[in-house]
Amino acid sequence: MTTLFISDLHLAPGQPPITEQFLGFLEQARRGTDALYILGDLFDAWLGDDDPEPEYRRVIEALRSLRASGTRLYFTHGNRDFLVGARFCAESGCELLDEHTVVPLYGERVLLMHGDLLCTDDVEYQAFRRMVRDAAWQRRMLAMPIAERAALAQQVKTQTRAAVMSKAEDIMDVNPKTVEDTMRRFGVRTLLHGHTHRPNVHRLTLDGEDATRIVLGDWYTQGSVVTWDEKGFRLDALPR
């Protein structure tokens, strides 16, 4: 059997090609896929589980259909869809994971993350992350009407784009020491994450042992998936 990993699709009503590619991907996943892990930013902006957006309903129904076929589904919050909650999980069939999750994969322990916690050089973003992950802040957000949440989300995205343009690229990438410290803390030699939109397989030495950091890509112009089975893993681009 095969285990699949994806992240950073940034599904949005104005991006139908991404949605259609993802729905086709889910249909293909019915064949021989034991589990699918979605490591955050499935949606470009998730306003709450009560969002009636029709495009998102299509995605939820497709996920539920895949779960009904026997594939286990797992979801990790990203920096765009941190308001995904219990209702989404119940309707889609996804199990919500912690922000750090270690899973056994064919005899190997692998740490799964969205990846934003590794970007510790971006102090401004980490402060923002602490604010929006606060339970009280989220309750206040979810108490607003959908229209107000949408306006606020658009404002944040506009500010984020401006901030990104003003930052050096290495500031927004992972901090090597944070990567090593995180892998030590969880006792792993393999880390798999998304967030940075820089797909690659990084080989490193950790305390005298070989270690691996696998980075998933985004789905803006093509898909990105890690496929893992008893032969090992591979990182593939999925042409649109």
Foldseek 3Di string as FASTA:
>chain_A
DKEKEFEAQQDDPVQVVSLVVVLVVLVVCLPPYQEYEYAENPHVADQAPPDPPPSVVVVLVSLLVSVVSRYAYEYEYDPRHLRDDDNSCVSNVYDYDYQWDWDDALNFTEIEHQAQVQLVLLVVVVVVVVQCNDPVNSVVSNVDPSVVSVVVSVVVVVVVVVVVVVDDLSSRHGDVVSVLVVCVVVVHQEYEHEDSQPADWDWDAHPNHIGIYGYWHHPNQWTWMWMQHNVGIDIDTGHD
